[in-house]
Amino acid sequence: MTTASHEHAQTERASGPSIHVIRARKLLYGGLVGGLGATVLCLVIFTIVGGLEGLISAALGAGMVLFFYIVGQLVMVKFADAGARTLMVVSMASYTGRVVALGLLLLAYAKNREDWPSLLPMAVFVSTIAVVAGWLAVEVYVFSRLRIDVYDTPYEGPPTPGDDQ
């Protein structure tokens, strides 16, 4: 990196977030739109089907998924400019922490199932799957629309005869 390009990069960082942070935020917002859309749909459907128990169950399933994905994407936004090794370590630590937290929640439910007789397991399951699918579907769509320089190289046509001269 030359001194001029280094100074330009420093000026660009001072004026706003890097392209990596912008891309990570786009993925966060896109996934959030998909996840919240699926959440609202599940809450409406399970409230109609199961009443208050259906609403609470669907909200629990959707809330767990939203927690898992929002925390994960916020970590990616925070460390978007980090090196590859740092990003991998942070991602794995974040993932492990989230899985342990959800595992402890499920363990607490399993040990105290009789205290939650009105929880509808099918509503929790279906809303969990629906919110995961909604989040990932929109996130994949947003990712497919990102312009990443490595893949979007400028087009160079074939050489024309006589260019060598």
N, C-alpha and C. Protein backbone atom coordinates (compact mmCIF):
# COMPACT_ATOMS: atom_id res chain seq x y z
N MET A 1 0.86 -1.17 0.00
CA MET A 1 0.00 0.00 0.00
C MET A 1 0.91 1.23 0.00
N THR A 2 0.68 2.12 -0.90
CA THR A 2 1.50 3.33 -0.97
C THR A 2 1.05 4.32 0.09
N THR A 3 1.88 5.31 0.33
CA THR A 3 1.55 6.33 1.32
C THR A 3 0.29 7.07 0.93
N ALA A 4 0.15 7.40 -0.35
CA ALA A 4 -1.03 8.14 -0.80
C ALA A 4 -2.30 7.32 -0.60
N SER A 5 -2.25 6.02 -0.95
CA SER A 5 -3.44 5.20 -0.79
C SER A 5 -3.72 4.93 0.69
N HIS A 6 -2.67 4.85 1.52
CA HIS A 6 -2.84 4.68 2.95
C HIS A 6 -3.53 5.90 3.55
N GLU A 7 -3.09 7.10 3.15
CA GLU A 7 -3.73 8.32 3.64
C GLU A 7 -5.18 8.40 3.18
N HIS A 8 -5.44 7.97 1.93
CA HIS A 8 -6.82 7.98 1.43
C HIS A 8 -7.70 7.02 2.24
N ALA A 9 -7.14 5.85 2.58
CA ALA A 9 -7.89 4.88 3.38
C ALA A 9 -8.19 5.45 4.77
N GLN A 10 -7.20 6.14 5.37
CA GLN A 10 -7.41 6.74 6.69
C GLN A 10 -8.49 7.82 6.63
N THR A 11 -8.46 8.65 5.57
CA THR A 11 -9.46 9.70 5.41
C THR A 11 -10.83 9.10 5.21
N GLU A 12 -10.90 8.03 4.42
CA GLU A 12 -12.18 7.38 4.15
C GLU A 12 -12.75 6.78 5.43
N ARG A 13 -11.91 6.15 6.25
CA ARG A 13 -12.38 5.57 7.51
C ARG A 13 -12.88 6.66 8.45
N ALA A 14 -12.20 7.79 8.48
CA ALA A 14 -12.61 8.87 9.37
C ALA A 14 -13.94 9.46 8.95
N SER A 15 -14.25 9.42 7.66
CA SER A 15 -15.48 10.04 7.18
C SER A 15 -16.69 9.13 7.30
N GLY A 16 -16.49 7.84 7.50
CA GLY A 16 -17.63 6.93 7.61
C GLY A 16 -17.17 5.49 7.74
N PRO A 17 -18.13 4.58 7.85
CA PRO A 17 -17.77 3.17 8.00
C PRO A 17 -17.16 2.60 6.72
N SER A 18 -16.39 1.56 6.88
CA SER A 18 -15.76 0.91 5.73
C SER A 18 -16.80 0.14 4.93
N ILE A 19 -16.41 -0.29 3.75
CA ILE A 19 -17.30 -1.06 2.90
C ILE A 19 -17.67 -2.39 3.54
N HIS A 20 -16.76 -2.95 4.35
CA HIS A 20 -17.03 -4.21 5.03
C HIS A 20 -18.14 -4.05 6.07
N VAL A 21 -18.08 -2.95 6.81
CA VAL A 21 -19.11 -2.67 7.80
C VAL A 21 -20.45 -2.40 7.11
N ILE A 22 -20.42 -1.67 6.03
CA ILE A 22 -21.65 -1.38 5.28
C ILE A 22 -22.28 -2.68 4.79
N ARG A 23 -21.47 -3.58 4.25
CA ARG A 23 -21.99 -4.86 3.76
C ARG A 23 -22.56 -5.69 4.90
N ALA A 24 -21.86 -5.74 6.04
CA ALA A 24 -22.35 -6.50 7.18
C ALA A 24 -23.67 -5.92 7.70
N ARG A 25 -23.78 -4.60 7.70
CA ARG A 25 -25.04 -3.97 8.12
C ARG A 25 -26.17 -4.30 7.16
N LYS A 26 -25.88 -4.30 5.86
CA LYS A 26 -26.91 -4.66 4.88
C LYS A 26 -27.41 -6.07 5.12
N LEU A 27 -26.49 -6.99 5.42
CA LEU A 27 -26.90 -8.36 5.71
C LEU A 27 -27.72 -8.44 6.99
N LEU A 28 -27.33 -7.67 8.00
CA LEU A 28 -28.09 -7.62 9.25
C LEU A 28 -29.50 -7.10 9.00
N TYR A 29 -29.62 -5.97 8.32
CA TYR A 29 -30.93 -5.38 8.08
C TYR A 29 -31.80 -6.27 7.19
N GLY A 30 -31.19 -6.86 6.18
CA GLY A 30 -31.95 -7.76 5.30
C GLY A 30 -32.47 -8.97 6.05
N GLY A 31 -31.59 -9.61 6.82
CA GLY A 31 -32.02 -10.75 7.60
C GLY A 31 -33.08 -10.38 8.62
N LEU A 32 -32.94 -9.21 9.21
CA LEU A 32 -33.91 -8.75 10.20
C LEU A 32 -35.28 -8.55 9.56
N VAL A 33 -35.30 -8.02 8.36
CA VAL A 33 -36.58 -7.84 7.65
C VAL A 33 -37.25 -9.19 7.42
N GLY A 34 -36.47 -10.16 6.94
CA GLY A 34 -37.01 -11.49 6.70
C GLY A 34 -37.45 -12.17 7.98
N GLY A 35 -36.63 -12.07 9.03
CA GLY A 35 -36.97 -12.69 10.30
C GLY A 35 -38.19 -12.08 10.95
N LEU A 36 -38.27 -10.76 10.93
CA LEU A 36 -39.43 -10.10 11.54
C LEU A 36 -40.70 -10.35 10.73
N GLY A 37 -40.56 -10.41 9.41
CA GLY A 37 -41.73 -10.72 8.58
C GLY A 37 -42.28 -12.10 8.91
N ALA A 38 -41.39 -13.09 9.02
CA ALA A 38 -41.82 -14.44 9.37
C ALA A 38 -42.36 -14.48 10.80
N THR A 39 -41.77 -13.70 11.69
CA THR A 39 -42.25 -13.64 13.08
C THR A 39 -43.68 -13.14 13.14
N VAL A 40 -43.96 -12.04 12.46
CA VAL A 40 -45.32 -11.49 12.47
C VAL A 40 -46.32 -12.49 11.90
N LEU A 41 -45.94 -13.13 10.82
CA LEU A 41 -46.81 -14.13 10.20
C LEU A 41 -47.09 -15.28 11.17
N CYS A 42 -46.07 -15.78 11.83
CA CYS A 42 -46.25 -16.87 12.79
C CYS A 42 -47.09 -16.44 13.99
N LEU A 43 -46.84 -15.23 14.49
CA LEU A 43 -47.63 -14.76 15.63
C LEU A 43 -49.11 -14.68 15.29
N VAL A 44 -49.41 -14.17 14.10
CA VAL A 44 -50.82 -14.07 13.67
C VAL A 44 -51.44 -15.45 13.53
N ILE A 45 -50.73 -16.34 12.81
CA ILE A 45 -51.29 -17.68 12.56
C ILE A 45 -51.49 -18.45 13.86
N PHE A 46 -50.49 -18.46 14.73
CA PHE A 46 -50.61 -19.25 15.96
C PHE A 46 -51.52 -18.59 17.00
N THR A 47 -51.73 -17.30 16.90
CA THR A 47 -52.73 -16.68 17.77
C THR A 47 -54.12 -17.11 17.33
N ILE A 48 -54.34 -17.16 16.03
CA ILE A 48 -55.63 -17.62 15.52
C ILE A 48 -55.86 -19.09 15.85
N VAL A 49 -54.84 -19.91 15.65
CA VAL A 49 -54.97 -21.36 15.85
C VAL A 49 -54.98 -21.73 17.33
N GLY A 50 -54.09 -21.14 18.12
CA GLY A 50 -53.94 -21.59 19.50
C GLY A 50 -54.24 -20.58 20.57
N GLY A 51 -54.73 -19.41 20.19
CA GLY A 51 -55.04 -18.40 21.18
C GLY A 51 -53.80 -17.84 21.85
N LEU A 52 -53.93 -17.50 23.12
CA LEU A 52 -52.82 -16.92 23.87
C LEU A 52 -51.64 -17.89 23.98
N GLU A 53 -51.94 -19.19 24.16
CA GLU A 53 -50.86 -20.18 24.24
C GLU A 53 -50.08 -20.23 22.92
N GLY A 54 -50.79 -20.15 21.81
CA GLY A 54 -50.14 -20.15 20.51
C GLY A 54 -49.28 -18.92 20.31
N LEU A 55 -49.78 -17.78 20.74
CA LEU A 55 -49.03 -16.52 20.63
C LEU A 55 -47.74 -16.59 21.44
N ILE A 56 -47.84 -17.03 22.69
CA ILE A 56 -46.67 -17.12 23.56
C ILE A 56 -45.66 -18.13 23.00
N SER A 57 -46.14 -19.25 22.55
CA SER A 57 -45.25 -20.29 22.01
C SER A 57 -44.53 -19.82 20.76
N ALA A 58 -45.27 -19.20 19.84
CA ALA A 58 -44.66 -18.69 18.61
C ALA A 58 -43.68 -17.57 18.93
N ALA A 59 -44.02 -16.72 19.88
CA ALA A 59 -43.12 -15.63 20.27
C ALA A 59 -41.84 -16.18 20.88
N LEU A 60 -41.93 -17.24 21.64
CA LEU A 60 -40.74 -17.85 22.24
C LEU A 60 -39.83 -18.42 21.16
N GLY A 61 -40.40 -19.18 20.22
CA GLY A 61 -39.60 -19.75 19.14
C GLY A 61 -38.96 -18.68 18.27
N ALA A 62 -39.76 -17.68 17.89
CA ALA A 62 -39.24 -16.60 17.05
C ALA A 62 -38.20 -15.77 17.81
N GLY A 63 -38.44 -15.52 19.08
CA GLY A 63 -37.51 -14.73 19.88
C GLY A 63 -36.15 -15.40 20.00
N MET A 64 -36.14 -16.72 20.15
CA MET A 64 -34.86 -17.43 20.24
C MET A 64 -34.07 -17.28 18.94
N VAL A 65 -34.74 -17.43 17.82
CA VAL A 65 -34.06 -17.32 16.53
C VAL A 65 -33.57 -15.90 16.30
N LEU A 66 -34.41 -14.93 16.58
CA LEU A 66 -34.01 -13.53 16.38
C LEU A 66 -32.82 -13.18 17.27
N PHE A 67 -32.84 -13.62 18.51
CA PHE A 67 -31.70 -13.40 19.40
C PHE A 67 -30.43 -13.99 18.79
N PHE A 68 -30.51 -15.23 18.36
CA PHE A 68 -29.36 -15.94 17.82
C PHE A 68 -28.77 -15.21 16.61
N TYR A 69 -29.62 -14.84 15.66
CA TYR A 69 -29.12 -14.20 14.44
C TYR A 69 -28.73 -12.75 14.64
N ILE A 70 -29.47 -12.00 15.43
CA ILE A 70 -29.13 -10.59 15.64
C ILE A 70 -27.77 -10.47 16.34
N VAL A 71 -27.56 -11.25 17.39
CA VAL A 71 -26.28 -11.19 18.08
C VAL A 71 -25.15 -11.58 17.14
N GLY A 72 -25.35 -12.63 16.37
CA GLY A 72 -24.32 -13.06 15.43
C GLY A 72 -23.98 -12.00 14.40
N GLN A 73 -24.99 -11.36 13.83
CA GLN A 73 -24.74 -10.33 12.83
C GLN A 73 -24.14 -9.07 13.46
N LEU A 74 -24.54 -8.72 14.67
CA LEU A 74 -23.95 -7.56 15.33
C LEU A 74 -22.46 -7.79 15.59
N VAL A 75 -22.09 -9.01 15.93
CA VAL A 75 -20.67 -9.33 16.10
C VAL A 75 -19.95 -9.17 14.77
N MET A 76 -20.58 -9.61 13.68
CA MET A 76 -19.95 -9.49 12.36
C MET A 76 -19.81 -8.02 11.96
N VAL A 77 -20.77 -7.20 12.30
CA VAL A 77 -20.67 -5.76 12.00
C VAL A 77 -19.53 -5.15 12.81
N LYS A 78 -19.46 -5.49 14.08
CA LYS A 78 -18.44 -4.93 14.97
C LYS A 78 -17.02 -5.28 14.52
N PHE A 79 -16.83 -6.49 14.02
CA PHE A 79 -15.49 -6.96 13.66
C PHE A 79 -15.31 -7.08 12.14
N ALA A 80 -16.11 -6.39 11.37
CA ALA A 80 -16.06 -6.52 9.91
C ALA A 80 -14.70 -6.14 9.33
N ASP A 81 -14.00 -5.21 9.95
CA ASP A 81 -12.71 -4.77 9.44
C ASP A 81 -11.53 -5.54 10.02
N ALA A 82 -11.80 -6.51 10.87
CA ALA A 82 -10.73 -7.28 11.49
C ALA A 82 -10.11 -8.24 10.47
N GLY A 83 -8.95 -8.73 10.80
CA GLY A 83 -8.28 -9.71 9.95
C GLY A 83 -9.04 -11.03 9.95
N ALA A 84 -8.71 -11.88 9.02
CA ALA A 84 -9.42 -13.15 8.84
C ALA A 84 -9.35 -14.03 10.09
N ARG A 85 -8.18 -14.13 10.71
CA ARG A 85 -8.05 -14.98 11.90
C ARG A 85 -8.85 -14.43 13.07
N THR A 86 -8.76 -13.13 13.27
CA THR A 86 -9.52 -12.51 14.36
C THR A 86 -11.02 -12.70 14.13
N LEU A 87 -11.46 -12.49 12.91
CA LEU A 87 -12.87 -12.64 12.58
C LEU A 87 -13.33 -14.07 12.82
N MET A 88 -12.49 -15.04 12.48
CA MET A 88 -12.85 -16.44 12.68
C MET A 88 -12.95 -16.76 14.17
N VAL A 89 -11.99 -16.30 14.96
CA VAL A 89 -12.01 -16.55 16.41
C VAL A 89 -13.24 -15.91 17.05
N VAL A 90 -13.50 -14.67 16.69
CA VAL A 90 -14.65 -13.96 17.25
C VAL A 90 -15.96 -14.62 16.83
N SER A 91 -16.05 -15.02 15.57
CA SER A 91 -17.26 -15.69 15.08
C SER A 91 -17.51 -16.99 15.82
N MET A 92 -16.47 -17.78 16.00
CA MET A 92 -16.62 -19.06 16.69
C MET A 92 -16.95 -18.86 18.17
N ALA A 93 -16.33 -17.88 18.80
CA ALA A 93 -16.65 -17.60 20.21
C ALA A 93 -18.09 -17.12 20.35
N SER A 94 -18.51 -16.26 19.46
CA SER A 94 -19.89 -15.78 19.48
C SER A 94 -20.87 -16.92 19.26
N TYR A 95 -20.59 -17.75 18.28
CA TYR A 95 -21.47 -18.88 17.97
C TYR A 95 -21.55 -19.83 19.17
N THR A 96 -20.41 -20.15 19.75
CA THR A 96 -20.38 -21.05 20.90
C THR A 96 -21.17 -20.46 22.06
N GLY A 97 -20.98 -19.18 22.33
CA GLY A 97 -21.73 -18.53 23.40
C GLY A 97 -23.23 -18.55 23.16
N ARG A 98 -23.63 -18.30 21.94
CA ARG A 98 -25.07 -18.31 21.63
C ARG A 98 -25.66 -19.71 21.73
N VAL A 99 -24.93 -20.71 21.26
CA VAL A 99 -25.43 -22.08 21.34
C VAL A 99 -25.53 -22.52 22.80
N VAL A 100 -24.55 -22.16 23.61
CA VAL A 100 -24.61 -22.51 25.03
C VAL A 100 -25.80 -21.82 25.70
N ALA A 101 -26.02 -20.54 25.39
CA ALA A 101 -27.15 -19.82 25.98
C ALA A 101 -28.48 -20.47 25.60
N LEU A 102 -28.65 -20.81 24.33
CA LEU A 102 -29.89 -21.45 23.91
C LEU A 102 -30.00 -22.86 24.50
N GLY A 103 -28.88 -23.56 24.60
CA GLY A 103 -28.90 -24.89 25.21
C GLY A 103 -29.32 -24.83 26.67
N LEU A 104 -28.82 -23.84 27.39
CA LEU A 104 -29.22 -23.67 28.79
C LEU A 104 -30.71 -23.33 28.91
N LEU A 105 -31.20 -22.53 27.98
CA LEU A 105 -32.64 -22.21 27.97
C LEU A 105 -33.46 -23.47 27.74
N LEU A 106 -33.06 -24.29 26.79
CA LEU A 106 -33.79 -25.54 26.51
C LEU A 106 -33.66 -26.52 27.67
N LEU A 107 -32.51 -26.56 28.30
CA LEU A 107 -32.32 -27.42 29.46
C LEU A 107 -33.23 -26.98 30.61
N ALA A 108 -33.31 -25.67 30.83
CA ALA A 108 -34.20 -25.15 31.88
C ALA A 108 -35.66 -25.51 31.57
N TYR A 109 -36.03 -25.42 30.31
CA TYR A 109 -37.40 -25.79 29.93
C TYR A 109 -37.63 -27.28 30.16
N ALA A 110 -36.67 -28.11 29.76
CA ALA A 110 -36.83 -29.56 29.91
C ALA A 110 -36.98 -29.96 31.38
N LYS A 111 -36.25 -29.29 32.27
CA LYS A 111 -36.33 -29.62 33.70
C LYS A 111 -37.58 -29.06 34.36
N ASN A 112 -38.18 -28.03 33.76
CA ASN A 112 -39.36 -27.39 34.36
C ASN A 112 -40.56 -27.42 33.40
N ARG A 113 -40.65 -28.48 32.64
CA ARG A 113 -41.73 -28.58 31.65
C ARG A 113 -43.11 -28.50 32.27
N GLU A 114 -43.28 -29.05 33.46
CA GLU A 114 -44.60 -29.04 34.11
C GLU A 114 -45.03 -27.62 34.49
N ASP A 115 -44.09 -26.68 34.62
CA ASP A 115 -44.42 -25.29 34.92
C ASP A 115 -44.92 -24.54 33.69
N TRP A 116 -44.77 -25.13 32.52
CA TRP A 116 -45.18 -24.50 31.26
C TRP A 116 -46.17 -25.39 30.51
N PRO A 117 -47.29 -25.74 31.13
CA PRO A 117 -48.21 -26.67 30.45
C PRO A 117 -48.88 -26.06 29.22
N SER A 118 -48.93 -24.74 29.16
CA SER A 118 -49.64 -24.10 28.05
C SER A 118 -48.74 -23.86 26.84
N LEU A 119 -47.46 -24.23 26.92
CA LEU A 119 -46.56 -24.04 25.79
C LEU A 119 -46.86 -25.09 24.73
N LEU A 120 -47.07 -24.65 23.49
CA LEU A 120 -47.38 -25.55 22.39
C LEU A 120 -46.09 -25.87 21.62
N PRO A 121 -45.54 -27.07 21.78
CA PRO A 121 -44.27 -27.40 21.12
C PRO A 121 -44.32 -27.25 19.60
N MET A 122 -45.45 -27.55 18.99
CA MET A 122 -45.55 -27.43 17.53
C MET A 122 -45.44 -25.96 17.10
N ALA A 123 -46.01 -25.05 17.86
CA ALA A 123 -45.93 -23.63 17.53
C ALA A 123 -44.49 -23.13 17.69
N VAL A 124 -43.80 -23.59 18.72
CA VAL A 124 -42.40 -23.21 18.92
C VAL A 124 -41.58 -23.74 17.75
N PHE A 125 -41.78 -24.99 17.39
CA PHE A 125 -41.01 -25.62 16.32
C PHE A 125 -41.27 -24.94 14.98
N VAL A 126 -42.52 -24.78 14.61
CA VAL A 126 -42.85 -24.20 13.30
C VAL A 126 -42.38 -22.75 13.22
N SER A 127 -42.58 -21.97 14.27
CA SER A 127 -42.15 -20.58 14.22
C SER A 127 -40.63 -20.48 14.17
N THR A 128 -39.93 -21.37 14.86
CA THR A 128 -38.47 -21.39 14.79
C THR A 128 -38.00 -21.64 13.37
N ILE A 129 -38.54 -22.65 12.73
CA ILE A 129 -38.16 -22.99 11.36
C ILE A 129 -38.54 -21.86 10.40
N ALA A 130 -39.72 -21.29 10.57
CA ALA A 130 -40.18 -20.23 9.67
C ALA A 130 -39.30 -18.98 9.78
N VAL A 131 -38.92 -18.60 10.99
CA VAL A 131 -38.11 -17.40 11.17
C VAL A 131 -36.69 -17.64 10.64
N VAL A 132 -36.14 -18.82 10.85
CA VAL A 132 -34.83 -19.14 10.26
C VAL A 132 -34.91 -19.04 8.75
N ALA A 133 -35.94 -19.64 8.17
CA ALA A 133 -36.10 -19.60 6.70
C ALA A 133 -36.28 -18.18 6.20
N GLY A 134 -37.09 -17.38 6.90
CA GLY A 134 -37.31 -15.99 6.50
C GLY A 134 -36.03 -15.18 6.57
N TRP A 135 -35.30 -15.33 7.66
CA TRP A 135 -34.04 -14.60 7.84
C TRP A 135 -33.06 -14.96 6.73
N LEU A 136 -32.85 -16.26 6.54
CA LEU A 136 -31.86 -16.70 5.56
C LEU A 136 -32.26 -16.37 4.13
N ALA A 137 -33.53 -16.47 3.81
CA ALA A 137 -33.98 -16.18 2.44
C ALA A 137 -33.68 -14.73 2.06
N VAL A 138 -34.02 -13.81 2.94
CA VAL A 138 -33.77 -12.40 2.62
C VAL A 138 -32.27 -12.09 2.71
N GLU A 139 -31.57 -12.70 3.63
CA GLU A 139 -30.13 -12.48 3.73
C GLU A 139 -29.41 -12.97 2.47
N VAL A 140 -29.80 -14.11 1.95
CA VAL A 140 -29.21 -14.61 0.71
C VAL A 140 -29.54 -13.68 -0.45
N TYR A 141 -30.76 -13.19 -0.48
CA TYR A 141 -31.15 -12.24 -1.53
C TYR A 141 -30.28 -10.98 -1.45
N VAL A 142 -30.12 -10.42 -0.26
CA VAL A 142 -29.30 -9.22 -0.08
C VAL A 142 -27.86 -9.51 -0.46
N PHE A 143 -27.34 -10.65 -0.04
CA PHE A 143 -25.96 -10.99 -0.37
C PHE A 143 -25.76 -11.09 -1.88
N SER A 144 -26.75 -11.64 -2.57
CA SER A 144 -26.61 -11.77 -4.03
C SER A 144 -26.61 -10.42 -4.72
N ARG A 145 -27.07 -9.38 -4.05
CA ARG A 145 -27.10 -8.03 -4.63
C ARG A 145 -25.90 -7.18 -4.21
N LEU A 146 -25.07 -7.68 -3.31
CA LEU A 146 -23.88 -6.92 -2.90
C LEU A 146 -22.88 -6.90 -4.04
N ARG A 147 -22.20 -5.79 -4.17
CA ARG A 147 -21.15 -5.66 -5.18
C ARG A 147 -19.82 -5.86 -4.48
N ILE A 148 -19.20 -7.00 -4.74
CA ILE A 148 -17.94 -7.32 -4.11
C ILE A 148 -16.85 -7.28 -5.18
N ASP A 149 -15.88 -6.39 -4.99
CA ASP A 149 -14.85 -6.13 -6.00
C ASP A 149 -14.12 -7.37 -6.48
N VAL A 150 -13.88 -8.30 -5.61
CA VAL A 150 -13.12 -9.48 -5.99
C VAL A 150 -13.81 -10.22 -7.12
N TYR A 151 -15.13 -10.23 -7.08
CA TYR A 151 -15.89 -10.97 -8.08
C TYR A 151 -16.34 -10.07 -9.23
N ASP A 152 -16.45 -8.80 -9.01
CA ASP A 152 -16.94 -7.87 -10.01
C ASP A 152 -15.79 -7.11 -10.66
N THR A 153 -14.94 -7.83 -11.35
CA THR A 153 -13.83 -7.17 -12.02
C THR A 153 -14.32 -6.51 -13.30
N PRO A 154 -13.67 -5.43 -13.71
CA PRO A 154 -14.10 -4.76 -14.93
C PRO A 154 -13.92 -5.67 -16.15
N TYR A 155 -14.79 -5.52 -17.09
CA TYR A 155 -14.73 -6.32 -18.31
C TYR A 155 -13.62 -5.81 -19.20
N GLU A 156 -12.85 -6.74 -19.70
CA GLU A 156 -11.82 -6.43 -20.70
C GLU A 156 -12.10 -7.31 -21.90
N GLY A 157 -12.39 -6.70 -23.01
CA GLY A 157 -12.70 -7.44 -24.22
C GLY A 157 -11.48 -8.15 -24.78
N PRO A 158 -11.70 -9.04 -25.73
CA PRO A 158 -10.57 -9.75 -26.34
C PRO A 158 -9.71 -8.78 -27.14
N PRO A 159 -8.43 -9.10 -27.25
CA PRO A 159 -7.56 -8.20 -28.02
C PRO A 159 -7.96 -8.21 -29.49
N THR A 160 -7.89 -7.07 -30.10
CA THR A 160 -8.21 -6.97 -31.53
C THR A 160 -6.92 -7.09 -32.32
N PRO A 161 -7.00 -7.63 -33.52
CA PRO A 161 -5.79 -7.73 -34.34
C PRO A 161 -5.21 -6.34 -34.60
N GLY A 162 -3.92 -6.25 -34.53
CA GLY A 162 -3.25 -4.98 -34.80
C GLY A 162 -2.95 -4.17 -33.55
N ASP A 163 -3.39 -4.65 -32.37
CA ASP A 163 -3.09 -3.94 -31.13
C ASP A 163 -1.64 -4.08 -30.72
N ASP A 164 -0.97 -5.11 -31.23
CA ASP A 164 0.43 -5.36 -30.86
C ASP A 164 1.37 -4.30 -31.47
N GLN A 165 0.95 -3.67 -32.51
CA GLN A 165 1.85 -2.76 -33.25
C GLN A 165 1.92 -1.41 -32.66
